[in-house]
All heavy atoms as atom14 arrays in JSON, in Angstrom:
{
  "sequence": "MRDKKTDSQGVRIATRKITRSLLYEASQNLPLVEREITTPITTFKAKT",
  "atom14_mask": [
    [1, 1, 1, 1, 1, 1, 1, 1, 0, 0, 0, 0, 0, 0],
    [1, 1, 1, 1, 1, 1, 1, 1, 1, 1, 1, 0, 0, 0],
    [1, 1, 1, 1, 1, 1, 1, 1, 0, 0, 0, 0, 0, 0],
    [1, 1, 1, 1, 1, 1, 1, 1, 1, 0, 0, 0, 0, 0],
    [1, 1, 1, 1, 1, 1, 1, 1, 1, 0, 0, 0, 0, 0],
    [1, 1, 1, 1, 1, 1, 1, 0, 0, 0, 0, 0, 0, 0],
    [1, 1, 1, 1, 1, 1, 1, 1, 0, 0, 0, 0, 0, 0],
    [1, 1, 1, 1, 1, 1, 0, 0, 0, 0, 0, 0, 0, 0],
    [1, 1, 1, 1, 1, 1, 1, 1, 1, 0, 0, 0, 0, 0],
    [1, 1, 1, 1, 0, 0, 0, 0, 0, 0, 0, 0, 0, 0],
    [1, 1, 1, 1, 1, 1, 1, 0, 0, 0, 0, 0, 0, 0],
    [1, 1, 1, 1, 1, 1, 1, 1, 1, 1, 1, 0, 0, 0],
    [1, 1, 1, 1, 1, 1, 1, 1, 0, 0, 0, 0, 0, 0],
    [1, 1, 1, 1, 1, 0, 0, 0, 0, 0, 0, 0, 0, 0],
    [1, 1, 1, 1, 1, 1, 1, 0, 0, 0, 0, 0, 0, 0],
    [1, 1, 1, 1, 1, 1, 1, 1, 1, 1, 1, 0, 0, 0],
    [1, 1, 1, 1, 1, 1, 1, 1, 1, 0, 0, 0, 0, 0],
    [1, 1, 1, 1, 1, 1, 1, 1, 0, 0, 0, 0, 0, 0],
    [1, 1, 1, 1, 1, 1, 1, 0, 0, 0, 0, 0, 0, 0],
    [1, 1, 1, 1, 1, 1, 1, 1, 1, 1, 1, 0, 0, 0],
    [1, 1, 1, 1, 1, 1, 0, 0, 0, 0, 0, 0, 0, 0],
    [1, 1, 1, 1, 1, 1, 1, 1, 0, 0, 0, 0, 0, 0],
    [1, 1, 1, 1, 1, 1, 1, 1, 0, 0, 0, 0, 0, 0],
    [1, 1, 1, 1, 1, 1, 1, 1, 1, 1, 1, 1, 0, 0],
    [1, 1, 1, 1, 1, 1, 1, 1, 1, 0, 0, 0, 0, 0],
    [1, 1, 1, 1, 1, 0, 0, 0, 0, 0, 0, 0, 0, 0],
    [1, 1, 1, 1, 1, 1, 0, 0, 0, 0, 0, 0, 0, 0],
    [1, 1, 1, 1, 1, 1, 1, 1, 1, 0, 0, 0, 0, 0],
    [1, 1, 1, 1, 1, 1, 1, 1, 0, 0, 0, 0, 0, 0],
    [1, 1, 1, 1, 1, 1, 1, 1, 0, 0, 0, 0, 0, 0],
    [1, 1, 1, 1, 1, 1, 1, 0, 0, 0, 0, 0, 0, 0],
    [1, 1, 1, 1, 1, 1, 1, 1, 0, 0, 0, 0, 0, 0],
    [1, 1, 1, 1, 1, 1, 1, 0, 0, 0, 0, 0, 0, 0],
    [1, 1, 1, 1, 1, 1, 1, 1, 1, 0, 0, 0, 0, 0],
    [1, 1, 1, 1, 1, 1, 1, 1, 1, 1, 1, 0, 0, 0],
    [1, 1, 1, 1, 1, 1, 1, 1, 1, 0, 0, 0, 0, 0],
    [1, 1, 1, 1, 1, 1, 1, 1, 0, 0, 0, 0, 0, 0],
    [1, 1, 1, 1, 1, 1, 1, 0, 0, 0, 0, 0, 0, 0],
    [1, 1, 1, 1, 1, 1, 1, 0, 0, 0, 0, 0, 0, 0],
    [1, 1, 1, 1, 1, 1, 1, 0, 0, 0, 0, 0, 0, 0],
    [1, 1, 1, 1, 1, 1, 1, 1, 0, 0, 0, 0, 0, 0],
    [1, 1, 1, 1, 1, 1, 1, 0, 0, 0, 0, 0, 0, 0],
    [1, 1, 1, 1, 1, 1, 1, 0, 0, 0, 0, 0, 0, 0],
    [1, 1, 1, 1, 1, 1, 1, 1, 1, 1, 1, 0, 0, 0],
    [1, 1, 1, 1, 1, 1, 1, 1, 1, 0, 0, 0, 0, 0],
    [1, 1, 1, 1, 1, 0, 0, 0, 0, 0, 0, 0, 0, 0],
    [1, 1, 1, 1, 1, 1, 1, 1, 1, 0, 0, 0, 0, 0],
    [1, 1, 1, 1, 1, 1, 1, 0, 0, 0, 0, 0, 0, 0]
  ],
  "atom14_positions": [
    [[-17.62, -68.15, 26.59], [-18.97, -67.92, 27.11], [-20.05, -68.43, 26.13], [-21.07, -68.97, 26.55], [-19.16, -66.43, 27.35], [-20.43, -66.04, 28.04], [-20.6, -64.24, 28.12], [-21.16, -63.91, 26.46], [0.0, 0.0, 0.0], [0.0, 0.0, 0.0], [0.0, 0.0, 0.0], [0.0, 0.0, 0.0], [0.0, 0.0, 0.0], [0.0, 0.0, 0.0]],
    [[-19.8, -68.27, 24.85], [-20.79, -68.68, 23.85], [-20.88, -70.2, 23.7], [-21.94, -70.74, 23.4], [-20.41, -68.1, 22.48], [-20.57, -66.61, 22.32], [-20.24, -66.28, 20.88], [-20.09, -64.88, 20.54], [-21.08, -64.1, 20.11], [-22.31, -64.58, 20.07], [-20.84, -62.85, 19.76], [0.0, 0.0, 0.0], [0.0, 0.0, 0.0], [0.0, 0.0, 0.0]],
    [[-19.76, -70.9, 23.87], [-19.67, -72.34, 23.6], [-20.67, -73.12, 24.47], [-20.64, -73.03, 25.69], [-18.25, -72.82, 23.88], [-17.97, -74.21, 23.35], [-18.92, -75.01, 23.2], [-16.79, -74.52, 23.11], [0.0, 0.0, 0.0], [0.0, 0.0, 0.0], [0.0, 0.0, 0.0], [0.0, 0.0, 0.0], [0.0, 0.0, 0.0], [0.0, 0.0, 0.0]],
    [[-21.54, -73.89, 23.83], [-22.56, -74.63, 24.59], [-21.95, -75.7, 25.49], [-22.61, -76.18, 26.42], [-23.59, -75.24, 23.65], [-23.08, -76.4, 22.81], [-24.21, -76.99, 21.98], [-23.77, -78.24, 21.22], [-24.88, -78.81, 20.42], [0.0, 0.0, 0.0], [0.0, 0.0, 0.0], [0.0, 0.0, 0.0], [0.0, 0.0, 0.0], [0.0, 0.0, 0.0]],
    [[-20.69, -76.06, 25.25], [-20.03, -77.06, 26.08], [-19.47, -76.47, 27.37], [-19.08, -77.21, 28.28], [-18.9, -77.73, 25.29], [-19.38, -78.57, 24.11], [-18.22, -79.25, 23.39], [-17.38, -78.23, 22.64], [-16.32, -78.88, 21.81], [0.0, 0.0, 0.0], [0.0, 0.0, 0.0], [0.0, 0.0, 0.0], [0.0, 0.0, 0.0], [0.0, 0.0, 0.0]],
    [[-19.43, -75.14, 27.48], [-18.92, -74.5, 28.69], [-19.96, -74.6, 29.8], [-21.12, -74.23, 29.59], [-18.58, -73.02, 28.43], [-17.66, -72.93, 27.34], [-17.97, -72.37, 29.65], [0.0, 0.0, 0.0], [0.0, 0.0, 0.0], [0.0, 0.0, 0.0], [0.0, 0.0, 0.0], [0.0, 0.0, 0.0], [0.0, 0.0, 0.0], [0.0, 0.0, 0.0]],
    [[-19.55, -75.11, 30.97], [-20.51, -75.23, 32.08], [-20.77, -73.87, 32.72], [-20.13, -72.86, 32.37], [-20.03, -76.25, 33.12], [-18.72, -75.86, 33.79], [-18.29, -74.69, 33.69], [-18.11, -76.73, 34.44], [0.0, 0.0, 0.0], [0.0, 0.0, 0.0], [0.0, 0.0, 0.0], [0.0, 0.0, 0.0], [0.0, 0.0, 0.0], [0.0, 0.0, 0.0]],
    [[-21.69, -73.82, 33.68], [-22.1, -72.55, 34.28], [-20.96, -71.84, 34.97], [-20.85, -70.61, 34.9], [-23.25, -72.78, 35.27], [-24.44, -73.1, 34.58], [0.0, 0.0, 0.0], [0.0, 0.0, 0.0], [0.0, 0.0, 0.0], [0.0, 0.0, 0.0], [0.0, 0.0, 0.0], [0.0, 0.0, 0.0], [0.0, 0.0, 0.0], [0.0, 0.0, 0.0]],
    [[-20.11, -72.59, 35.66], [-18.96, -71.97, 36.31], [-18.06, -71.31, 35.27], [-17.6, -70.17, 35.45], [-18.18, -72.98, 37.12], [-17.0, -72.35, 37.88], [-16.2, -73.36, 38.66], [-16.21, -74.55, 38.36], [-15.49, -72.91, 39.68], [0.0, 0.0, 0.0], [0.0, 0.0, 0.0], [0.0, 0.0, 0.0], [0.0, 0.0, 0.0], [0.0, 0.0, 0.0]],
    [[-17.82, -72.01, 34.17], [-16.98, -71.46, 33.11], [-17.61, -70.22, 32.48], [-16.91, -69.25, 32.17], [0.0, 0.0, 0.0], [0.0, 0.0, 0.0], [0.0, 0.0, 0.0], [0.0, 0.0, 0.0], [0.0, 0.0, 0.0], [0.0, 0.0, 0.0], [0.0, 0.0, 0.0], [0.0, 0.0, 0.0], [0.0, 0.0, 0.0], [0.0, 0.0, 0.0]],
    [[-18.93, -70.25, 32.3], [-19.64, -69.09, 31.75], [-19.52, -67.9, 32.69], [-19.25, -66.77, 32.27], [-21.13, -69.43, 31.5], [-21.92, -68.16, 31.15], [-21.26, -70.44, 30.36], [0.0, 0.0, 0.0], [0.0, 0.0, 0.0], [0.0, 0.0, 0.0], [0.0, 0.0, 0.0], [0.0, 0.0, 0.0], [0.0, 0.0, 0.0], [0.0, 0.0, 0.0]],
    [[-19.69, -68.14, 33.99], [-19.6, -67.04, 34.96], [-18.21, -66.42, 34.97], [-18.07, -65.19, 35.01], [-19.97, -67.54, 36.36], [-21.44, -67.79, 36.58], [-21.78, -67.98, 38.04], [-21.15, -69.15, 38.62], [-21.69, -70.37, 38.59], [-22.85, -70.57, 38.0], [-21.06, -71.39, 39.15], [0.0, 0.0, 0.0], [0.0, 0.0, 0.0], [0.0, 0.0, 0.0]],
    [[-17.18, -67.25, 34.97], [-15.81, -66.74, 35.0], [-15.52, -65.91, 33.75], [-14.99, -64.79, 33.83], [-14.8, -67.9, 35.14], [-14.93, -68.54, 36.52], [-13.38, -67.39, 34.91], [-14.14, -69.84, 36.67], [0.0, 0.0, 0.0], [0.0, 0.0, 0.0], [0.0, 0.0, 0.0], [0.0, 0.0, 0.0], [0.0, 0.0, 0.0], [0.0, 0.0, 0.0]],
    [[-15.89, -66.45, 32.59], [-15.65, -65.73, 31.34], [-16.43, -64.42, 31.31], [-15.92, -63.38, 30.88], [-16.05, -66.62, 30.16], [0.0, 0.0, 0.0], [0.0, 0.0, 0.0], [0.0, 0.0, 0.0], [0.0, 0.0, 0.0], [0.0, 0.0, 0.0], [0.0, 0.0, 0.0], [0.0, 0.0, 0.0], [0.0, 0.0, 0.0], [0.0, 0.0, 0.0]],
    [[-17.68, -64.48, 31.76], [-18.53, -63.29, 31.74], [-17.95, -62.19, 32.63], [-17.93, -61.01, 32.26], [-19.96, -63.64, 32.2], [-20.47, -64.68, 31.36], [-20.87, -62.44, 32.13], [0.0, 0.0, 0.0], [0.0, 0.0, 0.0], [0.0, 0.0, 0.0], [0.0, 0.0, 0.0], [0.0, 0.0, 0.0], [0.0, 0.0, 0.0], [0.0, 0.0, 0.0]],
    [[-17.48, -62.57, 33.81], [-16.91, -61.57, 34.72], [-15.68, -60.9, 34.11], [-15.46, -59.7, 34.28], [-16.57, -62.21, 36.07], [-17.79, -62.54, 36.91], [-17.42, -62.83, 38.35], [-18.59, -63.1, 39.16], [-18.97, -64.3, 39.57], [-18.23, -65.36, 39.25], [-20.05, -64.46, 40.3], [0.0, 0.0, 0.0], [0.0, 0.0, 0.0], [0.0, 0.0, 0.0]],
    [[-14.86, -61.66, 33.44], [-13.67, -61.09, 32.81], [-14.06, -60.07, 31.74], [-13.45, -59.01, 31.6], [-12.8, -62.19, 32.22], [-12.12, -63.06, 33.28], [-11.31, -64.18, 32.65], [-10.63, -65.04, 33.71], [-9.87, -66.17, 33.11], [0.0, 0.0, 0.0], [0.0, 0.0, 0.0], [0.0, 0.0, 0.0], [0.0, 0.0, 0.0], [0.0, 0.0, 0.0]],
    [[-15.11, -60.39, 30.98], [-15.58, -59.45, 29.95], [-16.18, -58.21, 30.6], [-15.91, -57.08, 30.17], [-16.62, -60.13, 29.04], [-15.98, -61.29, 28.27], [-17.23, -59.12, 28.07], [-16.99, -62.17, 27.54], [0.0, 0.0, 0.0], [0.0, 0.0, 0.0], [0.0, 0.0, 0.0], [0.0, 0.0, 0.0], [0.0, 0.0, 0.0], [0.0, 0.0, 0.0]],
    [[-17.0, -58.42, 31.63], [-17.67, -57.26, 32.25], [-16.66, -56.29, 32.84], [-16.86, -55.07, 32.79], [-18.65, -57.7, 33.35], [-17.97, -58.41, 34.39], [-19.75, -58.6, 32.78], [0.0, 0.0, 0.0], [0.0, 0.0, 0.0], [0.0, 0.0, 0.0], [0.0, 0.0, 0.0], [0.0, 0.0, 0.0], [0.0, 0.0, 0.0], [0.0, 0.0, 0.0]],
    [[-15.56, -56.8, 33.37], [-14.54, -55.91, 33.93], [-13.98, -55.0, 32.83], [-13.85, -53.79, 33.03], [-13.43, -56.72, 34.59], [-12.36, -55.88, 35.27], [-11.43, -56.74, 36.1], [-12.04, -57.17, 37.34], [-11.92, -56.54, 38.5], [-11.21, -55.42, 38.58], [-12.51, -57.0, 39.59], [0.0, 0.0, 0.0], [0.0, 0.0, 0.0], [0.0, 0.0, 0.0]],
    [[-13.68, -55.57, 31.67], [-13.17, -54.76, 30.56], [-14.18, -53.71, 30.12], [-13.83, -52.56, 29.85], [-12.8, -55.66, 29.38], [-11.72, -56.5, 29.7], [0.0, 0.0, 0.0], [0.0, 0.0, 0.0], [0.0, 0.0, 0.0], [0.0, 0.0, 0.0], [0.0, 0.0, 0.0], [0.0, 0.0, 0.0], [0.0, 0.0, 0.0], [0.0, 0.0, 0.0]],
    [[-15.44, -54.12, 30.04], [-16.48, -53.19, 29.6], [-16.69, -52.05, 30.6], [-16.88, -50.89, 30.22], [-17.8, -53.94, 29.38], [-17.81, -55.03, 28.31], [-19.19, -55.68, 28.22], [-17.4, -54.48, 26.96], [0.0, 0.0, 0.0], [0.0, 0.0, 0.0], [0.0, 0.0, 0.0], [0.0, 0.0, 0.0], [0.0, 0.0, 0.0], [0.0, 0.0, 0.0]],
    [[-16.63, -52.38, 31.88], [-16.81, -51.36, 32.91], [-15.67, -50.35, 32.91], [-15.89, -49.15, 33.1], [-16.94, -52.03, 34.29], [-18.28, -52.73, 34.55], [-18.14, -53.74, 35.69], [-19.36, -51.72, 34.88], [0.0, 0.0, 0.0], [0.0, 0.0, 0.0], [0.0, 0.0, 0.0], [0.0, 0.0, 0.0], [0.0, 0.0, 0.0], [0.0, 0.0, 0.0]],
    [[-14.45, -50.82, 32.7], [-13.32, -49.9, 32.6], [-13.54, -48.92, 31.46], [-13.31, -47.71, 31.59], [-12.02, -50.66, 32.38], [-11.39, -51.23, 33.64], [-10.94, -52.54, 33.68], [-11.23, -50.43, 34.77], [-10.35, -53.07, 34.84], [-10.65, -50.94, 35.92], [-10.22, -52.27, 35.95], [-9.65, -52.77, 37.09], [0.0, 0.0, 0.0], [0.0, 0.0, 0.0]],
    [[-13.99, -49.42, 30.32], [-14.22, -48.55, 29.16], [-15.36, -47.57, 29.43], [-15.27, -46.39, 29.1], [-14.55, -49.4, 27.93], [-13.38, -50.18, 27.39], [-12.31, -49.28, 26.79], [-12.65, -48.2, 26.27], [-11.13, -49.66, 26.86], [0.0, 0.0, 0.0], [0.0, 0.0, 0.0], [0.0, 0.0, 0.0], [0.0, 0.0, 0.0], [0.0, 0.0, 0.0]],
    [[-16.44, -48.07, 30.02], [-17.6, -47.22, 30.27], [-17.29, -46.08, 31.23], [-17.82, -44.97, 31.09], [-18.75, -48.06, 30.82], [0.0, 0.0, 0.0], [0.0, 0.0, 0.0], [0.0, 0.0, 0.0], [0.0, 0.0, 0.0], [0.0, 0.0, 0.0], [0.0, 0.0, 0.0], [0.0, 0.0, 0.0], [0.0, 0.0, 0.0], [0.0, 0.0, 0.0]],
    [[-16.39, -46.32, 32.18], [-16.11, -45.32, 33.23], [-15.23, -44.18, 32.75], [-14.93, -43.26, 33.52], [-15.46, -46.0, 34.44], [-14.17, -46.5, 34.11], [0.0, 0.0, 0.0], [0.0, 0.0, 0.0], [0.0, 0.0, 0.0], [0.0, 0.0, 0.0], [0.0, 0.0, 0.0], [0.0, 0.0, 0.0], [0.0, 0.0, 0.0], [0.0, 0.0, 0.0]],
    [[-14.85, -44.2, 31.48], [-14.02, -43.12, 30.97], [-14.71, -41.76, 30.99], [-14.06, -40.72, 30.87], [-13.56, -43.43, 29.54], [-12.51, -44.53, 29.47], [-11.97, -44.71, 28.06], [-11.99, -43.8, 27.25], [-11.48, -45.9, 27.76], [0.0, 0.0, 0.0], [0.0, 0.0, 0.0], [0.0, 0.0, 0.0], [0.0, 0.0, 0.0], [0.0, 0.0, 0.0]],
    [[-16.04, -41.76, 31.13], [-16.75, -40.47, 31.15], [-16.81, -39.83, 32.54], [-17.34, -38.72, 32.68], [-18.19, -40.65, 30.64], [-19.07, -41.43, 31.61], [-18.63, -42.39, 32.24], [-20.33, -41.05, 31.69], [0.0, 0.0, 0.0], [0.0, 0.0, 0.0], [0.0, 0.0, 0.0], [0.0, 0.0, 0.0], [0.0, 0.0, 0.0], [0.0, 0.0, 0.0]],
    [[-16.26, -40.49, 33.55], [-16.32, -39.92, 34.9], [-15.41, -38.71, 35.02], [-14.25, -38.74, 34.57], [-15.93, -40.98, 35.94], [-16.9, -42.16, 36.09], [-16.34, -43.19, 37.06], [-18.27, -41.67, 36.55], [0.0, 0.0, 0.0], [0.0, 0.0, 0.0], [0.0, 0.0, 0.0], [0.0, 0.0, 0.0], [0.0, 0.0, 0.0], [0.0, 0.0, 0.0]],
    [[-15.9, -37.62, 35.63], [-15.08, -36.41, 35.76], [-13.97, -36.59, 36.79], [-14.13, -37.29, 37.79], [-16.09, -35.35, 36.22], [-17.17, -36.13, 36.9], [-17.26, -37.45, 36.18], [0.0, 0.0, 0.0], [0.0, 0.0, 0.0], [0.0, 0.0, 0.0], [0.0, 0.0, 0.0], [0.0, 0.0, 0.0], [0.0, 0.0, 0.0], [0.0, 0.0, 0.0]],
    [[-12.85, -35.92, 36.54], [-11.68, -36.03, 37.41], [-11.4, -34.71, 38.11], [-11.75, -33.63, 37.63], [-10.45, -36.44, 36.59], [-10.54, -37.76, 35.82], [-9.3, -37.95, 34.96], [-10.74, -38.93, 36.76], [0.0, 0.0, 0.0], [0.0, 0.0, 0.0], [0.0, 0.0, 0.0], [0.0, 0.0, 0.0], [0.0, 0.0, 0.0], [0.0, 0.0, 0.0]],
    [[-10.78, -34.82, 39.27], [-10.28, -33.64, 40.0], [-8.85, -33.94, 40.45], [-8.42, -35.1, 40.43], [-11.16, -33.31, 41.23], [-12.56, -32.89, 40.81], [-11.21, -34.5, 42.2], [0.0, 0.0, 0.0], [0.0, 0.0, 0.0], [0.0, 0.0, 0.0], [0.0, 0.0, 0.0], [0.0, 0.0, 0.0], [0.0, 0.0, 0.0], [0.0, 0.0, 0.0]],
    [[-8.15, -32.89, 40.84], [-6.8, -33.09, 41.38], [-6.86, -33.11, 42.9], [-7.6, -32.34, 43.52], [-5.87, -31.98, 40.9], [-5.47, -32.12, 39.45], [-4.36, -31.16, 39.07], [-4.18, -30.13, 39.77], [-3.66, -31.43, 38.08], [0.0, 0.0, 0.0], [0.0, 0.0, 0.0], [0.0, 0.0, 0.0], [0.0, 0.0, 0.0], [0.0, 0.0, 0.0]],
    [[-6.06, -34.0, 43.47], [-6.0, -34.12, 44.93], [-4.54, -34.19, 45.34], [-3.74, -34.92, 44.73], [-6.73, -35.4, 45.36], [-6.6, -35.73, 46.83], [-7.21, -37.1, 47.11], [-6.75, -37.63, 48.37], [-6.77, -38.91, 48.71], [-7.24, -39.8, 47.85], [-6.33, -39.32, 49.88], [0.0, 0.0, 0.0], [0.0, 0.0, 0.0], [0.0, 0.0, 0.0]],
    [[-4.2, -33.44, 46.36], [-2.81, -33.45, 46.84], [-2.59, -34.67, 47.72], [-3.31, -34.89, 48.69], [-2.48, -32.17, 47.6], [-1.01, -32.06, 47.96], [-0.66, -30.71, 48.56], [-0.47, -29.75, 47.79], [-0.6, -30.64, 49.8], [0.0, 0.0, 0.0], [0.0, 0.0, 0.0], [0.0, 0.0, 0.0], [0.0, 0.0, 0.0], [0.0, 0.0, 0.0]],
    [[-1.59, -35.48, 47.37], [-1.26, -36.65, 48.18], [0.25, -36.69, 48.42], [1.02, -36.03, 47.71], [-1.69, -37.97, 47.49], [-0.93, -38.17, 46.18], [-3.19, -38.02, 47.27], [-1.07, -39.57, 45.62], [0.0, 0.0, 0.0], [0.0, 0.0, 0.0], [0.0, 0.0, 0.0], [0.0, 0.0, 0.0], [0.0, 0.0, 0.0], [0.0, 0.0, 0.0]],
    [[0.62, -37.44, 49.43], [2.03, -37.6, 49.75], [2.43, -39.05, 49.57], [1.86, -39.95, 50.2], [2.33, -37.14, 51.19], [1.95, -35.77, 51.32], [3.8, -37.29, 51.51], [0.0, 0.0, 0.0], [0.0, 0.0, 0.0], [0.0, 0.0, 0.0], [0.0, 0.0, 0.0], [0.0, 0.0, 0.0], [0.0, 0.0, 0.0], [0.0, 0.0, 0.0]],
    [[3.36, -39.29, 48.69], [3.91, -40.63, 48.5], [5.1, -40.8, 49.46], [5.47, -39.85, 50.16], [4.41, -40.81, 47.05], [5.64, -40.09, 46.89], [3.38, -40.31, 46.04], [0.0, 0.0, 0.0], [0.0, 0.0, 0.0], [0.0, 0.0, 0.0], [0.0, 0.0, 0.0], [0.0, 0.0, 0.0], [0.0, 0.0, 0.0], [0.0, 0.0, 0.0]],
    [[5.72, -41.96, 49.54], [6.94, -42.1, 50.36], [8.08, -41.21, 49.89], [9.07, -41.05, 50.6], [7.3, -43.58, 50.2], [6.0, -44.26, 49.9], [5.24, -43.28, 49.05], [0.0, 0.0, 0.0], [0.0, 0.0, 0.0], [0.0, 0.0, 0.0], [0.0, 0.0, 0.0], [0.0, 0.0, 0.0], [0.0, 0.0, 0.0], [0.0, 0.0, 0.0]],
    [[7.94, -40.63, 48.69], [9.03, -39.83, 48.12], [8.76, -38.33, 48.2], [9.65, -37.55, 48.56], [9.26, -40.22, 46.64], [9.47, -41.73, 46.5], [10.45, -39.45, 46.05], [10.65, -42.28, 47.26], [0.0, 0.0, 0.0], [0.0, 0.0, 0.0], [0.0, 0.0, 0.0], [0.0, 0.0, 0.0], [0.0, 0.0, 0.0], [0.0, 0.0, 0.0]],
    [[7.5, -37.93, 47.87], [7.22, -36.49, 47.79], [5.72, -36.23, 47.85], [4.92, -37.17, 47.89], [7.79, -35.91, 46.47], [7.68, -34.49, 46.49], [7.05, -36.46, 45.25], [0.0, 0.0, 0.0], [0.0, 0.0, 0.0], [0.0, 0.0, 0.0], [0.0, 0.0, 0.0], [0.0, 0.0, 0.0], [0.0, 0.0, 0.0], [0.0, 0.0, 0.0]],
    [[5.37, -34.96, 47.85], [3.97, -34.55, 47.78], [3.69, -33.99, 46.38], [4.49, -33.22, 45.85], [3.67, -33.47, 48.83], [3.86, -34.05, 50.14], [2.24, -32.97, 48.72], [0.0, 0.0, 0.0], [0.0, 0.0, 0.0], [0.0, 0.0, 0.0], [0.0, 0.0, 0.0], [0.0, 0.0, 0.0], [0.0, 0.0, 0.0], [0.0, 0.0, 0.0]],
    [[2.55, -34.4, 45.79], [2.2, -33.88, 44.47], [0.7, -33.97, 44.27], [-0.03, -34.52, 45.11], [2.95, -34.64, 43.38], [2.31, -35.95, 42.96], [1.89, -36.15, 41.67], [2.14, -36.98, 43.89], [1.31, -37.35, 41.28], [1.57, -38.19, 43.51], [1.15, -38.37, 42.19], [0.0, 0.0, 0.0], [0.0, 0.0, 0.0], [0.0, 0.0, 0.0]],
    [[0.21, -33.4, 43.17], [-1.21, -33.43, 42.86], [-1.5, -34.56, 41.88], [-0.95, -34.6, 40.78], [-1.65, -32.09, 42.27], [-1.66, -30.96, 43.31], [-2.18, -29.67, 42.71], [-2.24, -28.58, 43.79], [-2.75, -27.29, 43.24], [0.0, 0.0, 0.0], [0.0, 0.0, 0.0], [0.0, 0.0, 0.0], [0.0, 0.0, 0.0], [0.0, 0.0, 0.0]],
    [[-2.38, -35.45, 42.3], [-2.76, -36.61, 41.48], [-4.21, -36.48, 41.03], [-5.04, -35.93, 41.75], [-2.57, -37.9, 42.27], [0.0, 0.0, 0.0], [0.0, 0.0, 0.0], [0.0, 0.0, 0.0], [0.0, 0.0, 0.0], [0.0, 0.0, 0.0], [0.0, 0.0, 0.0], [0.0, 0.0, 0.0], [0.0, 0.0, 0.0], [0.0, 0.0, 0.0]],
    [[-4.5, -37.0, 39.86], [-5.88, -36.99, 39.38], [-6.65, -38.17, 39.97], [-6.12, -39.27, 40.11], [-5.9, -37.06, 37.85], [-5.42, -35.79, 37.18], [-5.54, -35.89, 35.67], [-5.1, -34.58, 35.02], [-5.22, -34.64, 33.54], [0.0, 0.0, 0.0], [0.0, 0.0, 0.0], [0.0, 0.0, 0.0], [0.0, 0.0, 0.0], [0.0, 0.0, 0.0]],
    [[-7.92, -37.92, 40.3], [-8.77, -38.96, 40.83], [-10.22, -38.66, 40.45], [-10.54, -37.55, 39.99], [-8.62, -39.08, 42.36], [-9.36, -40.22, 42.82], [-9.13, -37.84, 43.07], [0.0, 0.0, 0.0], [0.0, 0.0, 0.0], [0.0, 0.0, 0.0], [0.0, 0.0, 0.0], [0.0, 0.0, 0.0], [0.0, 0.0, 0.0], [0.0, 0.0, 0.0]]
  ]
}
């Protein structure tokens, strides 16, 4: 992204890849609850 030789398409692709990582990290503060779901195998409580 920093390299001046990278064209706009390359900058956009690189930037999106970085933003995805940053967003995953930032969302760690979201509160979780348990929800009962049924998989093809069994029913259990999953965090969401």
